[in-house]
Amino acid sequence: MDIVSIALIISSFAVFLGFIHFCDKVVDEQGSGK
């Protein structure tokens, strides 16, 4: 594997974790709001 593919995997993994964290925050806000 070269540097580009490794960086692409790391960046995509970071975006995936950020998306999960964002969804959790939205669910928490909706749950506390109601």
Protein backbone atom coordinates (compact mmCIF):
# COMPACT_ATOMS: atom_id res chain seq x y z
CA MET A 1 0.00 0.00 0.00
CA ASP A 2 1.22 3.50 -0.80
CA ILE A 3 0.87 6.72 1.17
CA VAL A 4 -2.16 7.92 -0.81
CA SER A 5 -4.26 4.81 -0.15
CA ILE A 6 -3.36 4.84 3.56
CA ALA A 7 -4.28 8.52 3.88
CA LEU A 8 -7.55 7.87 2.03
CA ILE A 9 -8.49 5.05 4.42
CA ILE A 10 -7.63 7.15 7.50
CA SER A 11 -9.59 10.17 6.23
CA SER A 12 -12.64 8.08 5.32
CA PHE A 13 -12.52 6.39 8.74
CA ALA A 14 -12.33 9.79 10.47
CA VAL A 15 -15.33 11.04 8.45
CA PHE A 16 -17.25 7.87 9.37
CA LEU A 17 -16.58 8.38 13.09
CA GLY A 18 -17.55 12.04 12.82
CA PHE A 19 -20.82 11.07 11.12
CA ILE A 20 -21.65 8.60 13.91
CA HIS A 21 -20.86 11.23 16.56
CA PHE A 22 -23.06 13.75 14.74
CA CYS A 23 -25.98 11.28 14.57
CA ASP A 24 -25.63 10.51 18.28
CA LYS A 25 -25.75 14.24 19.10
CA VAL A 26 -28.87 14.76 16.97
CA VAL A 27 -30.63 11.79 18.59
CA ASP A 28 -29.76 13.09 22.06
CA GLU A 29 -31.13 16.55 21.23
CA GLN A 30 -34.39 15.11 19.88
CA GLY A 31 -34.76 12.81 22.89
CA SER A 32 -34.22 15.60 25.43
CA GLY A 33 -36.40 18.05 23.45
CA LYS A 34 -39.51 15.88 23.61
